[in-house]
Structure formats: structure tokens, C-alpha cells
Amino acid sequence: MAVTEKDVRTALKTVKDPELNIDLVTLGLVYDIEVDDAQVHATISLTSPMCPVAEQIVADAKTAILGVDGVDDAEVQLTFDPPWTPERIPPLIRSSLGL
């Protein structure tokens, strides 16, 4: 079965920002996912460029993607362009967080 962007997005929901304890997808930190057969390239951001656990989050995201059935290789690229803002969080969740 072919890997889909939805499969990858579902896997990335298991990776949480340790400060907010909310997953990368819900926070709007997943900027792009490209699937080419069994290879996945994901572009993610963080809530802050000064995040002390940035390397761990990128490693966790790669591990989650590699856990998807059918994925043989994964690359996770970190970007801050455009910078993340709370507006990337869905409005209902944003309001429940008081943002």
C-alpha cells in the first residue's frame, strides 16, 4: 500500500512539543510533507528558534515517520521561514489554550 501524506501527518501527531504538550500537527508546526514512493521529506518548524530540544523534536519526527508502514527513508528539515505564530493553531484549540 502506498504511503500518503495523511499517513505521515497521523504519525507526526505522536510527536509533542514538550513545553505545550501538544502535537506538531495540531500546533501547525508541520509546514510541508512530500511523499515519493517510500521516501518522505517533511518540513517542520518549532514554536521558538531558541528551542532547547530542537534536535530531539526533529529526531522524534523522523522516528515517527520511519514508523509508517511503507516508509524506507525519511528526512525532516527544520525551518523558521515563515516564523511560526499561534495563528497556525486551529481557533478552537487556540481559545482553549487562552491564545
Protein backbone atom coordinates (compact mmCIF):
# COMPACT_ATOMS: atom_id res chain seq x y z
CA MET A 1 0.00 0.00 0.00
CA ALA A 2 1.32 3.42 -0.94
CA VAL A 3 2.29 5.89 1.78
CA THR A 4 0.13 9.01 1.86
CA GLU A 5 0.58 12.48 3.31
CA LYS A 6 -2.26 11.64 5.70
CA ASP A 7 -0.31 8.61 6.98
CA VAL A 8 2.70 10.82 7.69
CA ARG A 9 0.58 13.53 9.31
CA THR A 10 -1.03 10.91 11.56
CA ALA A 11 2.41 9.68 12.62
CA LEU A 12 3.55 13.23 13.37
CA LYS A 13 0.59 13.63 15.73
CA THR A 14 2.55 11.39 18.11
CA VAL A 15 5.35 13.97 18.41
CA LYS A 16 4.64 16.62 21.02
CA ASP A 17 6.12 19.99 21.80
CA PRO A 18 7.39 19.35 25.34
CA GLU A 19 6.56 22.85 26.56
CA LEU A 20 2.93 22.89 25.42
CA ASN A 21 2.40 19.10 25.40
CA ILE A 22 0.53 19.41 22.11
CA ASP A 23 1.45 17.57 18.92
CA LEU A 24 3.26 19.15 15.99
CA VAL A 25 0.29 18.83 13.63
CA THR A 26 -2.21 20.49 15.97
CA LEU A 27 0.25 23.31 16.66
CA GLY A 28 0.59 23.95 12.93
CA LEU A 29 4.32 23.17 13.03
CA VAL A 30 4.19 20.82 10.03
CA TYR A 31 4.72 23.09 7.05
CA ASP A 32 5.11 20.57 4.23
CA ILE A 33 5.12 16.83 3.57
CA GLU A 34 6.36 15.31 0.33
CA VAL A 35 5.94 11.59 -0.30
CA ASP A 36 7.87 9.96 -3.14
CA ASP A 37 7.13 6.23 -3.04
CA ALA A 38 8.85 5.03 0.15
CA GLN A 39 10.72 8.28 0.78
CA VAL A 40 9.29 11.15 2.85
CA HIS A 41 10.54 14.68 3.24
CA ALA A 42 8.88 16.76 5.93
CA THR A 43 9.45 20.42 6.70
CA ILE A 44 8.62 21.43 10.23
CA SER A 45 9.08 24.44 12.46
CA LEU A 46 9.20 25.00 16.19
CA THR A 47 7.40 27.48 18.42
CA SER A 48 10.74 29.21 19.03
CA PRO A 49 14.07 29.29 17.18
CA MET A 50 15.71 29.10 20.62
CA CYS A 51 14.01 25.78 21.49
CA PRO A 52 16.46 23.83 23.67
CA VAL A 53 15.11 20.46 22.49
CA ALA A 54 15.01 21.22 18.77
CA GLU A 55 17.30 18.32 17.86
CA GLN A 56 15.18 15.89 19.88
CA ILE A 57 11.93 17.05 18.25
CA VAL A 58 13.45 16.65 14.76
CA ALA A 59 14.74 13.18 15.71
CA ASP A 60 11.35 12.20 17.16
CA ALA A 61 9.61 13.40 13.98
CA LYS A 62 11.97 11.34 11.82
CA THR A 63 11.42 8.27 14.01
CA ALA A 64 7.64 8.71 13.80
CA ILE A 65 7.75 8.97 10.00
CA LEU A 66 10.02 5.92 9.70
CA GLY A 67 7.42 4.03 11.75
CA VAL A 68 4.84 4.42 8.99
CA ASP A 69 4.34 1.18 7.04
CA GLY A 70 5.94 1.52 3.65
CA VAL A 71 8.41 4.30 4.54
CA ASP A 72 12.04 3.34 3.90
CA ASP A 73 13.67 6.75 4.26
CA ALA A 74 12.72 10.00 5.96
CA GLU A 75 14.23 13.45 6.04
CA VAL A 76 12.99 16.13 8.42
CA GLN A 77 14.03 19.68 7.67
CA LEU A 78 13.68 22.45 10.23
CA THR A 79 12.65 25.91 9.03
CA PHE A 80 11.70 29.21 10.55
CA ASP A 81 10.50 30.74 7.29
CA PRO A 82 7.83 31.81 7.77
CA PRO A 83 8.15 32.08 11.55
CA TRP A 84 5.56 30.10 13.48
CA THR A 85 2.77 32.06 15.17
CA PRO A 86 -0.16 30.86 17.33
CA GLU A 87 -2.49 31.70 14.42
CA ARG A 88 -1.38 28.37 12.88
CA ILE A 89 -3.25 26.56 15.68
CA PRO A 90 -6.93 25.85 14.88
CA PRO A 91 -9.13 28.54 16.53
CA LEU A 92 -10.94 26.17 18.92
CA ILE A 93 -7.72 24.78 20.31
CA ARG A 94 -6.15 28.24 20.40
CA SER A 95 -9.02 29.55 22.52
CA SER A 96 -8.83 26.56 24.88
CA LEU A 97 -5.15 27.42 25.40
CA GLY A 98 -6.01 31.04 26.06
CA LEU A 99 -4.15 32.27 22.99
